[in-house]
């Protein structure tokens, strides 16, 4: 759950956030898409793409690229102050993230939740097994395996003596209550 959202989105992908717009365009479209402003970073390009590229068809092609979609998702998530995968569970702006980014984050979250559930189940089994096999040193078996019980004392008229019996459970389990004298 400590994985950053950006690491998950970029898993197996090229990080274009540090790339310059001109380098990005040359890599994906060749020299036909050169721009006048060569030094603008992709992060700033996201703020106002129309200011840098006037060709609407080229803008549409750029917005359909997987790298660009993931970069826009990173920008939206950063603006929403979402840093870690754990935060994704409660993130209100999930619908603003592209289906590709949403799928990557949901898949990662599901995988981690399954792994946590598996580890918890293994720990429960280990703990149960350990409790059943552990014997405390220096204790009698009767003390170690003791259950709740209580001693009931009463006068037996037939033999004219006091008697005591041991009953399992506490005194409240037999429906009796104590009365103040």
N, C-alpha and C. Protein backbone atom coordinates (compact mmCIF):
# COMPACT_ATOMS: atom_id res chain seq x y z
N UNK A 1 0.81 -1.20 0.00
CA UNK A 1 0.00 0.00 0.00
C UNK A 1 0.85 1.26 0.00
N UNK A 2 2.15 1.09 0.16
CA UNK A 2 3.03 2.25 0.18
C UNK A 2 3.56 2.60 -1.20
N UNK A 3 3.11 1.90 -2.23
CA UNK A 3 3.54 2.21 -3.59
C UNK A 3 2.94 3.55 -3.99
N UNK A 4 3.75 4.35 -4.69
CA UNK A 4 3.21 5.63 -5.15
C UNK A 4 2.35 5.38 -6.38
N UNK A 5 1.36 6.23 -6.54
CA UNK A 5 0.44 6.12 -7.66
C UNK A 5 1.20 6.30 -8.97
N UNK A 6 2.14 7.22 -9.00
CA UNK A 6 2.92 7.46 -10.23
C UNK A 6 3.73 6.23 -10.61
N UNK A 7 4.33 5.55 -9.64
CA UNK A 7 5.08 4.32 -9.93
C UNK A 7 4.18 3.26 -10.55
N UNK A 8 2.97 3.16 -10.05
CA UNK A 8 2.04 2.15 -10.57
C UNK A 8 1.59 2.52 -11.99
N UNK A 9 1.29 3.79 -12.20
CA UNK A 9 0.87 4.22 -13.53
C UNK A 9 1.98 4.04 -14.56
N UNK A 10 3.21 4.28 -14.15
CA UNK A 10 4.34 4.20 -15.08
C UNK A 10 4.96 2.81 -15.16
N UNK A 11 4.42 1.85 -14.44
CA UNK A 11 4.99 0.51 -14.44
C UNK A 11 5.04 -0.03 -15.87
N UNK A 12 6.25 -0.23 -16.37
CA UNK A 12 6.43 -0.73 -17.73
C UNK A 12 6.25 0.31 -18.81
N UNK A 13 6.07 1.56 -18.43
CA UNK A 13 5.85 2.63 -19.40
C UNK A 13 7.01 3.63 -19.35
N UNK A 14 7.07 4.50 -20.34
CA UNK A 14 8.09 5.54 -20.40
C UNK A 14 7.60 6.76 -19.62
N UNK A 15 8.43 7.28 -18.74
CA UNK A 15 8.07 8.49 -18.00
C UNK A 15 8.36 9.69 -18.88
N UNK A 16 7.30 10.31 -19.36
CA UNK A 16 7.48 11.46 -20.24
C UNK A 16 7.33 12.78 -19.50
N UNK A 17 7.15 12.73 -18.19
CA UNK A 17 6.92 13.96 -17.43
C UNK A 17 8.13 14.89 -17.45
N UNK A 18 9.33 14.34 -17.57
CA UNK A 18 10.54 15.16 -17.61
C UNK A 18 10.96 15.49 -19.04
N UNK A 19 10.25 14.93 -20.02
CA UNK A 19 10.60 15.11 -21.42
C UNK A 19 10.14 16.48 -21.91
N UNK A 20 10.85 17.01 -22.87
CA UNK A 20 10.45 18.27 -23.51
C UNK A 20 9.43 17.95 -24.60
N UNK A 21 8.54 18.88 -24.88
CA UNK A 21 7.48 18.68 -25.87
C UNK A 21 8.06 18.34 -27.23
N UNK A 22 9.09 19.06 -27.65
CA UNK A 22 9.68 18.81 -28.97
C UNK A 22 10.23 17.38 -29.06
N UNK A 23 10.89 16.90 -28.00
CA UNK A 23 11.41 15.52 -27.99
C UNK A 23 10.27 14.51 -28.04
N UNK A 24 9.21 14.80 -27.32
CA UNK A 24 8.04 13.92 -27.31
C UNK A 24 7.43 13.82 -28.71
N UNK A 25 7.26 14.97 -29.36
CA UNK A 25 6.66 14.98 -30.69
C UNK A 25 7.55 14.26 -31.71
N UNK A 26 8.86 14.49 -31.64
CA UNK A 26 9.78 13.81 -32.57
C UNK A 26 9.76 12.30 -32.35
N UNK A 27 9.67 11.88 -31.09
CA UNK A 27 9.66 10.44 -30.79
C UNK A 27 8.41 9.75 -31.32
N UNK A 28 7.27 10.44 -31.21
CA UNK A 28 6.01 9.80 -31.58
C UNK A 28 5.52 10.14 -32.99
N UNK A 29 5.92 11.31 -33.52
CA UNK A 29 5.38 11.74 -34.81
C UNK A 29 6.45 12.13 -35.83
N UNK A 30 7.68 12.06 -35.46
CA UNK A 30 8.75 12.44 -36.38
C UNK A 30 8.89 13.95 -36.48
N UNK A 31 9.55 14.39 -37.52
CA UNK A 31 9.84 15.83 -37.65
C UNK A 31 8.64 16.63 -38.15
N UNK A 32 7.57 15.97 -38.59
CA UNK A 32 6.40 16.70 -39.11
C UNK A 32 5.68 17.50 -38.03
N UNK A 33 5.95 17.21 -36.77
CA UNK A 33 5.21 17.84 -35.69
C UNK A 33 6.08 18.76 -34.84
N UNK A 34 7.07 19.38 -35.44
CA UNK A 34 7.94 20.28 -34.68
C UNK A 34 7.14 21.50 -34.22
N UNK A 35 7.53 22.04 -33.06
CA UNK A 35 6.85 23.22 -32.51
C UNK A 35 7.86 24.34 -32.33
N UNK A 36 7.34 25.56 -32.25
CA UNK A 36 8.22 26.71 -32.09
C UNK A 36 8.87 26.73 -30.71
N UNK A 37 8.10 26.46 -29.68
CA UNK A 37 8.60 26.50 -28.30
C UNK A 37 9.18 25.13 -27.96
N UNK A 38 10.49 24.99 -28.08
CA UNK A 38 11.14 23.70 -27.91
C UNK A 38 11.42 23.35 -26.46
N UNK A 39 11.52 24.33 -25.61
CA UNK A 39 11.97 24.07 -24.24
C UNK A 39 10.84 23.83 -23.23
N UNK A 40 9.61 23.78 -23.69
CA UNK A 40 8.52 23.58 -22.75
C UNK A 40 8.47 22.09 -22.36
N UNK A 41 8.31 21.87 -21.07
CA UNK A 41 8.22 20.50 -20.58
C UNK A 41 6.81 19.95 -20.77
N UNK A 42 6.70 18.65 -20.79
CA UNK A 42 5.40 18.00 -20.99
C UNK A 42 4.43 18.35 -19.86
N UNK A 43 4.95 18.52 -18.66
CA UNK A 43 4.10 18.85 -17.51
C UNK A 43 3.40 20.19 -17.74
N UNK A 44 4.15 21.16 -18.31
CA UNK A 44 3.56 22.47 -18.59
C UNK A 44 2.66 22.42 -19.83
N UNK A 45 3.00 21.56 -20.76
CA UNK A 45 2.18 21.39 -21.96
C UNK A 45 0.76 20.96 -21.59
N UNK A 46 0.64 20.16 -20.54
CA UNK A 46 -0.68 19.68 -20.11
C UNK A 46 -1.60 20.82 -19.69
N UNK A 47 -1.03 21.89 -19.18
CA UNK A 47 -1.85 23.01 -18.70
C UNK A 47 -2.63 23.67 -19.83
N UNK A 48 -1.98 23.77 -21.00
CA UNK A 48 -2.64 24.46 -22.12
C UNK A 48 -2.09 23.93 -23.45
N UNK A 49 -2.52 22.78 -23.87
CA UNK A 49 -1.99 22.20 -25.10
C UNK A 49 -2.25 23.06 -26.34
N UNK A 50 -3.40 23.75 -26.37
CA UNK A 50 -3.74 24.59 -27.52
C UNK A 50 -2.77 25.75 -27.71
N UNK A 51 -2.12 26.17 -26.65
CA UNK A 51 -1.17 27.28 -26.75
C UNK A 51 0.10 26.87 -27.48
N UNK A 52 0.38 25.58 -27.51
CA UNK A 52 1.62 25.11 -28.12
C UNK A 52 1.40 24.42 -29.47
N UNK A 53 0.26 23.81 -29.66
CA UNK A 53 -0.03 23.10 -30.91
C UNK A 53 -1.38 23.58 -31.43
N UNK A 54 -1.37 24.11 -32.64
CA UNK A 54 -2.58 24.66 -33.25
C UNK A 54 -3.34 23.62 -34.06
N UNK A 55 -2.67 22.59 -34.51
CA UNK A 55 -3.27 21.55 -35.35
C UNK A 55 -4.14 20.63 -34.48
N UNK A 56 -5.47 20.73 -34.65
CA UNK A 56 -6.40 19.97 -33.82
C UNK A 56 -6.30 18.46 -34.06
N UNK A 57 -5.99 18.06 -35.28
CA UNK A 57 -5.84 16.63 -35.57
C UNK A 57 -4.63 16.08 -34.82
N UNK A 58 -3.54 16.83 -34.81
CA UNK A 58 -2.34 16.41 -34.08
C UNK A 58 -2.62 16.35 -32.57
N UNK A 59 -3.36 17.33 -32.07
CA UNK A 59 -3.73 17.32 -30.64
C UNK A 59 -4.55 16.08 -30.29
N UNK A 60 -5.46 15.71 -31.19
CA UNK A 60 -6.27 14.51 -30.95
C UNK A 60 -5.40 13.25 -30.97
N UNK A 61 -4.46 13.18 -31.90
CA UNK A 61 -3.55 12.03 -31.96
C UNK A 61 -2.70 11.94 -30.69
N UNK A 62 -2.25 13.10 -30.21
CA UNK A 62 -1.44 13.13 -28.98
C UNK A 62 -2.28 12.64 -27.80
N UNK A 63 -3.52 13.12 -27.71
CA UNK A 63 -4.37 12.75 -26.57
C UNK A 63 -4.75 11.27 -26.58
N UNK A 64 -4.62 10.61 -27.73
CA UNK A 64 -4.92 9.18 -27.81
C UNK A 64 -3.72 8.30 -27.48
N UNK A 65 -2.54 8.89 -27.33
CA UNK A 65 -1.35 8.11 -26.98
C UNK A 65 -1.41 7.65 -25.53
N UNK A 66 -1.03 6.41 -25.29
CA UNK A 66 -1.05 5.85 -23.94
C UNK A 66 -0.15 6.65 -23.00
N UNK A 67 1.05 7.01 -23.45
CA UNK A 67 1.97 7.78 -22.61
C UNK A 67 1.35 9.11 -22.19
N UNK A 68 0.68 9.77 -23.12
CA UNK A 68 0.06 11.06 -22.82
C UNK A 68 -1.11 10.89 -21.85
N UNK A 69 -1.92 9.84 -22.05
CA UNK A 69 -3.04 9.60 -21.15
C UNK A 69 -2.56 9.35 -19.72
N UNK A 70 -1.49 8.58 -19.59
CA UNK A 70 -0.95 8.31 -18.25
C UNK A 70 -0.38 9.57 -17.62
N UNK A 71 0.23 10.43 -18.45
CA UNK A 71 0.75 11.70 -17.93
C UNK A 71 -0.39 12.60 -17.46
N UNK A 72 -1.48 12.65 -18.21
CA UNK A 72 -2.62 13.46 -17.77
C UNK A 72 -3.21 12.90 -16.48
N UNK A 73 -3.23 11.57 -16.36
CA UNK A 73 -3.70 10.96 -15.11
C UNK A 73 -2.80 11.34 -13.95
N UNK A 74 -1.50 11.31 -14.18
CA UNK A 74 -0.55 11.70 -13.12
C UNK A 74 -0.81 13.14 -12.70
N UNK A 75 -1.09 14.00 -13.66
CA UNK A 75 -1.35 15.41 -13.36
C UNK A 75 -2.63 15.57 -12.52
N UNK A 76 -3.69 14.88 -12.93
CA UNK A 76 -4.96 14.97 -12.20
C UNK A 76 -4.82 14.42 -10.78
N UNK A 77 -4.08 13.34 -10.67
CA UNK A 77 -3.88 12.72 -9.36
C UNK A 77 -3.03 13.62 -8.47
N UNK A 78 -2.01 14.24 -9.04
CA UNK A 78 -1.17 15.17 -8.27
C UNK A 78 -2.00 16.37 -7.82
N UNK A 79 -2.87 16.86 -8.69
CA UNK A 79 -3.74 17.99 -8.31
C UNK A 79 -4.72 17.59 -7.22
N UNK A 80 -5.07 16.31 -7.15
CA UNK A 80 -5.98 15.80 -6.11
C UNK A 80 -5.26 15.39 -4.85
N UNK A 81 -3.95 15.67 -4.78
CA UNK A 81 -3.11 15.35 -3.61
C UNK A 81 -3.14 13.86 -3.27
N UNK A 82 -3.13 13.06 -4.29
CA UNK A 82 -3.12 11.61 -4.13
C UNK A 82 -1.70 11.12 -4.36
N UNK A 83 -1.09 10.54 -3.34
CA UNK A 83 0.30 10.12 -3.46
C UNK A 83 0.47 8.61 -3.47
N UNK A 84 -0.24 7.93 -2.59
CA UNK A 84 -0.03 6.50 -2.41
C UNK A 84 -1.27 5.70 -2.82
N UNK A 85 -1.03 4.44 -3.15
CA UNK A 85 -2.12 3.57 -3.58
C UNK A 85 -3.20 3.47 -2.51
N UNK A 86 -2.81 3.52 -1.26
CA UNK A 86 -3.78 3.48 -0.16
C UNK A 86 -4.79 4.62 -0.27
N UNK A 87 -4.32 5.79 -0.76
CA UNK A 87 -5.20 6.95 -0.91
C UNK A 87 -6.20 6.75 -2.06
N UNK A 88 -5.86 5.89 -3.01
CA UNK A 88 -6.73 5.66 -4.17
C UNK A 88 -8.09 5.10 -3.75
N UNK A 89 -8.13 4.32 -2.67
CA UNK A 89 -9.39 3.72 -2.23
C UNK A 89 -10.44 4.78 -1.95
N UNK A 90 -10.03 5.89 -1.35
CA UNK A 90 -10.98 6.93 -0.94
C UNK A 90 -11.00 8.13 -1.89
N UNK A 91 -10.27 8.06 -2.99
CA UNK A 91 -10.15 9.18 -3.92
C UNK A 91 -11.49 9.45 -4.59
N UNK A 92 -11.98 10.68 -4.48
CA UNK A 92 -13.29 11.04 -5.02
C UNK A 92 -13.26 11.30 -6.53
N UNK A 93 -12.09 11.59 -7.08
CA UNK A 93 -11.99 11.94 -8.49
C UNK A 93 -11.63 10.79 -9.41
N UNK A 94 -12.02 9.58 -9.04
CA UNK A 94 -11.68 8.41 -9.87
C UNK A 94 -12.25 8.53 -11.28
N UNK A 95 -13.41 9.16 -11.41
CA UNK A 95 -14.03 9.27 -12.73
C UNK A 95 -13.29 10.24 -13.65
N UNK A 96 -12.39 11.06 -13.11
CA UNK A 96 -11.61 11.98 -13.94
C UNK A 96 -10.37 11.32 -14.53
N UNK A 97 -10.02 10.16 -14.02
CA UNK A 97 -8.85 9.43 -14.50
C UNK A 97 -9.27 8.59 -15.71
N UNK A 98 -8.38 8.48 -16.69
CA UNK A 98 -8.70 7.70 -17.90
C UNK A 98 -8.94 6.24 -17.54
N UNK A 99 -9.71 5.52 -18.35
CA UNK A 99 -9.94 4.10 -18.08
C UNK A 99 -8.65 3.29 -17.94
N UNK A 100 -7.64 3.63 -18.73
CA UNK A 100 -6.35 2.93 -18.64
C UNK A 100 -5.72 3.12 -17.27
N UNK A 101 -5.65 4.36 -16.80
CA UNK A 101 -5.07 4.64 -15.49
C UNK A 101 -5.89 4.04 -14.36
N UNK A 102 -7.21 4.14 -14.48
CA UNK A 102 -8.10 3.59 -13.46
C UNK A 102 -7.92 2.07 -13.35
N UNK A 103 -7.80 1.40 -14.50
CA UNK A 103 -7.62 -0.05 -14.50
C UNK A 103 -6.29 -0.43 -13.85
N UNK A 104 -5.23 0.30 -14.18
CA UNK A 104 -3.92 -0.01 -13.58
C UNK A 104 -3.97 0.13 -12.06
N UNK A 105 -4.57 1.21 -11.58
CA UNK A 105 -4.62 1.45 -10.14
C UNK A 105 -5.56 0.46 -9.44
N UNK A 106 -6.71 0.19 -10.03
CA UNK A 106 -7.64 -0.78 -9.42
C UNK A 106 -7.04 -2.18 -9.39
N UNK A 107 -6.36 -2.57 -10.47
CA UNK A 107 -5.72 -3.90 -10.51
C UNK A 107 -4.65 -4.01 -9.44
N UNK A 108 -3.84 -2.97 -9.29
CA UNK A 108 -2.78 -2.99 -8.27
C UNK A 108 -3.38 -3.06 -6.88
N UNK A 109 -4.44 -2.30 -6.64
CA UNK A 109 -5.10 -2.31 -5.33
C UNK A 109 -5.71 -3.68 -5.04
N UNK A 110 -6.36 -4.28 -6.02
CA UNK A 110 -6.95 -5.61 -5.84
C UNK A 110 -5.88 -6.65 -5.54
N UNK A 111 -4.78 -6.58 -6.27
CA UNK A 111 -3.68 -7.53 -6.06
C UNK A 111 -3.13 -7.41 -4.64
N UNK A 112 -2.95 -6.20 -4.17
CA UNK A 112 -2.41 -5.99 -2.82
C UNK A 112 -3.41 -6.46 -1.77
N UNK A 113 -4.69 -6.17 -1.97
CA UNK A 113 -5.70 -6.60 -1.00
C UNK A 113 -5.77 -8.13 -0.92
N UNK A 114 -5.65 -8.81 -2.07
CA UNK A 114 -5.64 -10.28 -2.06
C UNK A 114 -4.41 -10.80 -1.32
N UNK A 115 -3.27 -10.18 -1.55
CA UNK A 115 -2.04 -10.61 -0.88
C UNK A 115 -2.13 -10.39 0.62
N UNK A 116 -2.68 -9.26 1.04
CA UNK A 116 -2.85 -8.99 2.47
C UNK A 116 -3.80 -10.01 3.10
N UNK A 117 -4.90 -10.32 2.42
CA UNK A 117 -5.85 -11.32 2.93
C UNK A 117 -5.18 -12.69 3.05
N UNK A 118 -4.38 -13.06 2.06
CA UNK A 118 -3.68 -14.35 2.10
C UNK A 118 -2.70 -14.39 3.26
N UNK A 119 -1.93 -13.32 3.44
CA UNK A 119 -0.97 -13.27 4.54
C UNK A 119 -1.66 -13.31 5.90
N UNK A 120 -2.80 -12.62 6.02
CA UNK A 120 -3.56 -12.66 7.28
C UNK A 120 -4.08 -14.06 7.57
N UNK A 121 -4.56 -14.74 6.54
CA UNK A 121 -5.06 -16.11 6.72
C UNK A 121 -3.93 -17.04 7.14
N UNK A 122 -2.76 -16.89 6.52
CA UNK A 122 -1.60 -17.71 6.90
C UNK A 122 -1.20 -17.44 8.34
N UNK A 123 -1.24 -16.18 8.74
CA UNK A 123 -0.87 -15.82 10.11
C UNK A 123 -1.87 -16.40 11.11
N UNK A 124 -3.15 -16.37 10.78
CA UNK A 124 -4.17 -16.96 11.65
C UNK A 124 -3.95 -18.46 11.82
N UNK A 125 -3.66 -19.15 10.73
CA UNK A 125 -3.40 -20.60 10.79
C UNK A 125 -2.16 -20.87 11.63
N UNK A 126 -1.11 -20.09 11.40
CA UNK A 126 0.14 -20.26 12.15
C UNK A 126 -0.10 -20.03 13.64
N UNK A 127 -0.85 -18.98 13.97
CA UNK A 127 -1.12 -18.65 15.37
C UNK A 127 -1.95 -19.74 16.04
N UNK A 128 -2.97 -20.24 15.32
CA UNK A 128 -3.81 -21.31 15.87
C UNK A 128 -3.00 -22.58 16.10
N UNK A 129 -2.15 -22.92 15.15
CA UNK A 129 -1.31 -24.11 15.28
C UNK A 129 -0.34 -23.96 16.43
N UNK A 130 0.23 -22.78 16.55
CA UNK A 130 1.20 -22.52 17.63
C UNK A 130 0.53 -22.61 18.99
N UNK A 131 -0.68 -22.07 19.11
CA UNK A 131 -1.39 -22.11 20.39
C UNK A 131 -1.74 -23.55 20.78
N UNK A 132 -2.08 -24.37 19.80
CA UNK A 132 -2.46 -25.75 20.09
C UNK A 132 -1.26 -26.60 20.46
N UNK A 133 -0.10 -26.30 19.91
CA UNK A 133 1.07 -27.14 20.15
C UNK A 133 1.97 -26.63 21.26
N UNK A 134 1.77 -25.41 21.71
CA UNK A 134 2.63 -24.84 22.73
C UNK A 134 2.18 -25.28 24.12
N UNK A 135 3.11 -25.74 24.92
CA UNK A 135 2.82 -26.05 26.32
C UNK A 135 3.73 -25.18 27.16
N UNK A 136 3.15 -24.63 28.17
CA UNK A 136 3.93 -23.76 29.04
C UNK A 136 4.82 -24.61 29.94
N UNK A 137 6.06 -24.22 30.04
CA UNK A 137 7.01 -24.93 30.89
C UNK A 137 6.66 -24.72 32.36
N UNK A 138 6.69 -25.78 33.16
CA UNK A 138 6.49 -25.66 34.60
C UNK A 138 5.04 -25.70 35.04
N UNK A 139 4.10 -25.92 34.14
CA UNK A 139 2.69 -25.99 34.51
C UNK A 139 2.19 -27.42 34.36
N UNK A 140 1.33 -27.81 35.25
CA UNK A 140 0.68 -29.11 35.12
C UNK A 140 -0.30 -29.05 33.95
N UNK A 141 -0.52 -30.18 33.31
CA UNK A 141 -1.46 -30.24 32.21
C UNK A 141 -2.85 -29.79 32.65
N UNK A 142 -3.24 -30.15 33.88
CA UNK A 142 -4.57 -29.78 34.36
C UNK A 142 -4.71 -28.27 34.51
N UNK A 143 -3.62 -27.60 34.85
CA UNK A 143 -3.66 -26.15 34.98
C UNK A 143 -3.64 -25.51 33.59
N UNK A 144 -2.78 -26.03 32.72
CA UNK A 144 -2.66 -25.47 31.38
C UNK A 144 -3.96 -25.62 30.59
N UNK A 145 -4.60 -26.76 30.72
CA UNK A 145 -5.82 -27.02 29.98
C UNK A 145 -7.08 -26.71 30.77
N UNK A 146 -6.97 -25.96 31.86
CA UNK A 146 -8.11 -25.70 32.74
C UNK A 146 -9.17 -24.87 32.03
N UNK A 147 -10.40 -25.06 32.47
CA UNK A 147 -11.53 -24.31 31.95
C UNK A 147 -12.17 -23.58 33.12
N UNK A 148 -13.05 -22.66 32.80
CA UNK A 148 -13.76 -21.95 33.85
C UNK A 148 -14.60 -22.95 34.65
N UNK A 149 -14.62 -22.75 35.92
CA UNK A 149 -15.43 -23.59 36.78
C UNK A 149 -15.61 -22.91 38.13
N UNK A 150 -16.45 -23.50 38.95
CA UNK A 150 -16.63 -22.96 40.29
C UNK A 150 -17.00 -24.11 41.23
N UNK A 151 -16.77 -23.87 42.50
CA UNK A 151 -17.06 -24.87 43.52
C UNK A 151 -18.37 -24.49 44.19
N UNK A 152 -19.23 -25.47 44.30
CA UNK A 152 -20.53 -25.25 44.92
C UNK A 152 -20.52 -25.98 46.26
N UNK A 153 -20.68 -25.26 47.34
CA UNK A 153 -20.71 -25.86 48.68
C UNK A 153 -22.13 -25.88 49.21
N UNK A 154 -22.52 -26.97 49.85
CA UNK A 154 -23.87 -27.06 50.41
C UNK A 154 -23.88 -28.12 51.52
N UNK A 155 -24.91 -28.05 52.34
CA UNK A 155 -25.08 -29.03 53.44
C UNK A 155 -25.96 -30.15 52.93
N UNK A 156 -25.47 -31.41 53.06
CA UNK A 156 -26.23 -32.59 52.62
C UNK A 156 -26.92 -33.18 53.84
N UNK A 157 -28.25 -33.10 53.86
CA UNK A 157 -29.04 -33.60 55.00
C UNK A 157 -28.97 -35.11 55.15
N UNK A 158 -28.78 -35.84 54.05
CA UNK A 158 -28.75 -37.29 54.12
C UNK A 158 -27.55 -37.79 54.91
N UNK A 159 -26.40 -37.22 54.64
CA UNK A 159 -25.20 -37.69 55.35
C UNK A 159 -24.80 -36.72 56.46
N UNK A 160 -25.55 -35.67 56.62
CA UNK A 160 -25.35 -34.66 57.66
C UNK A 160 -23.92 -34.10 57.64
N UNK A 161 -23.49 -33.70 56.45
CA UNK A 161 -22.16 -33.10 56.28
C UNK A 161 -22.24 -32.01 55.21
N UNK A 162 -21.22 -31.16 55.25
CA UNK A 162 -21.05 -30.19 54.17
C UNK A 162 -20.42 -30.91 52.98
N UNK A 163 -20.88 -30.58 51.79
CA UNK A 163 -20.32 -31.19 50.59
C UNK A 163 -19.90 -30.09 49.62
N UNK A 164 -19.02 -30.45 48.75
CA UNK A 164 -18.59 -29.52 47.71
C UNK A 164 -18.59 -30.26 46.38
N UNK A 165 -19.02 -29.55 45.35
CA UNK A 165 -19.00 -30.10 44.00
C UNK A 165 -18.39 -29.07 43.07
N UNK A 166 -17.73 -29.54 42.05
CA UNK A 166 -17.14 -28.65 41.05
C UNK A 166 -18.04 -28.65 39.82
N UNK A 167 -18.39 -27.45 39.37
CA UNK A 167 -19.24 -27.30 38.19
C UNK A 167 -18.48 -26.51 37.13
N UNK A 168 -18.61 -26.95 35.87
CA UNK A 168 -17.95 -26.25 34.78
C UNK A 168 -18.71 -24.96 34.50
N UNK A 169 -17.99 -23.92 34.08
CA UNK A 169 -18.58 -22.62 33.83
C UNK A 169 -18.51 -21.78 35.08
N UNK A 170 -18.82 -20.49 34.95
CA UNK A 170 -18.80 -19.65 36.14
C UNK A 170 -20.17 -19.68 36.82
N UNK A 171 -20.26 -19.07 37.97
CA UNK A 171 -21.49 -19.15 38.75
C UNK A 171 -22.67 -18.50 38.03
N UNK A 172 -22.42 -17.57 37.15
CA UNK A 172 -23.50 -16.89 36.43
C UNK A 172 -24.09 -17.80 35.35
N UNK A 173 -23.33 -18.79 34.91
CA UNK A 173 -23.82 -19.67 33.84
C UNK A 173 -24.92 -20.60 34.32
N UNK A 174 -25.16 -20.68 35.60
CA UNK A 174 -26.19 -21.56 36.12
C UNK A 174 -27.44 -20.81 36.53
N UNK A 175 -27.56 -19.56 36.11
CA UNK A 175 -28.78 -18.81 36.33
C UNK A 175 -28.92 -18.24 37.73
N UNK A 176 -27.92 -18.35 38.56
CA UNK A 176 -28.02 -17.79 39.91
C UNK A 176 -27.38 -16.40 39.92
N UNK A 177 -27.89 -15.59 40.78
CA UNK A 177 -27.31 -14.27 40.95
C UNK A 177 -26.98 -14.08 42.42
N UNK A 178 -26.04 -13.22 42.66
CA UNK A 178 -25.67 -12.94 44.05
C UNK A 178 -26.61 -11.89 44.61
N UNK A 179 -26.93 -12.07 45.87
CA UNK A 179 -27.77 -11.09 46.56
C UNK A 179 -26.95 -10.45 47.66
N UNK A 180 -27.12 -9.16 47.81
CA UNK A 180 -26.44 -8.47 48.90
C UNK A 180 -27.14 -8.79 50.20
N UNK A 181 -26.35 -9.02 51.22
CA UNK A 181 -26.92 -9.38 52.52
C UNK A 181 -27.01 -8.15 53.38
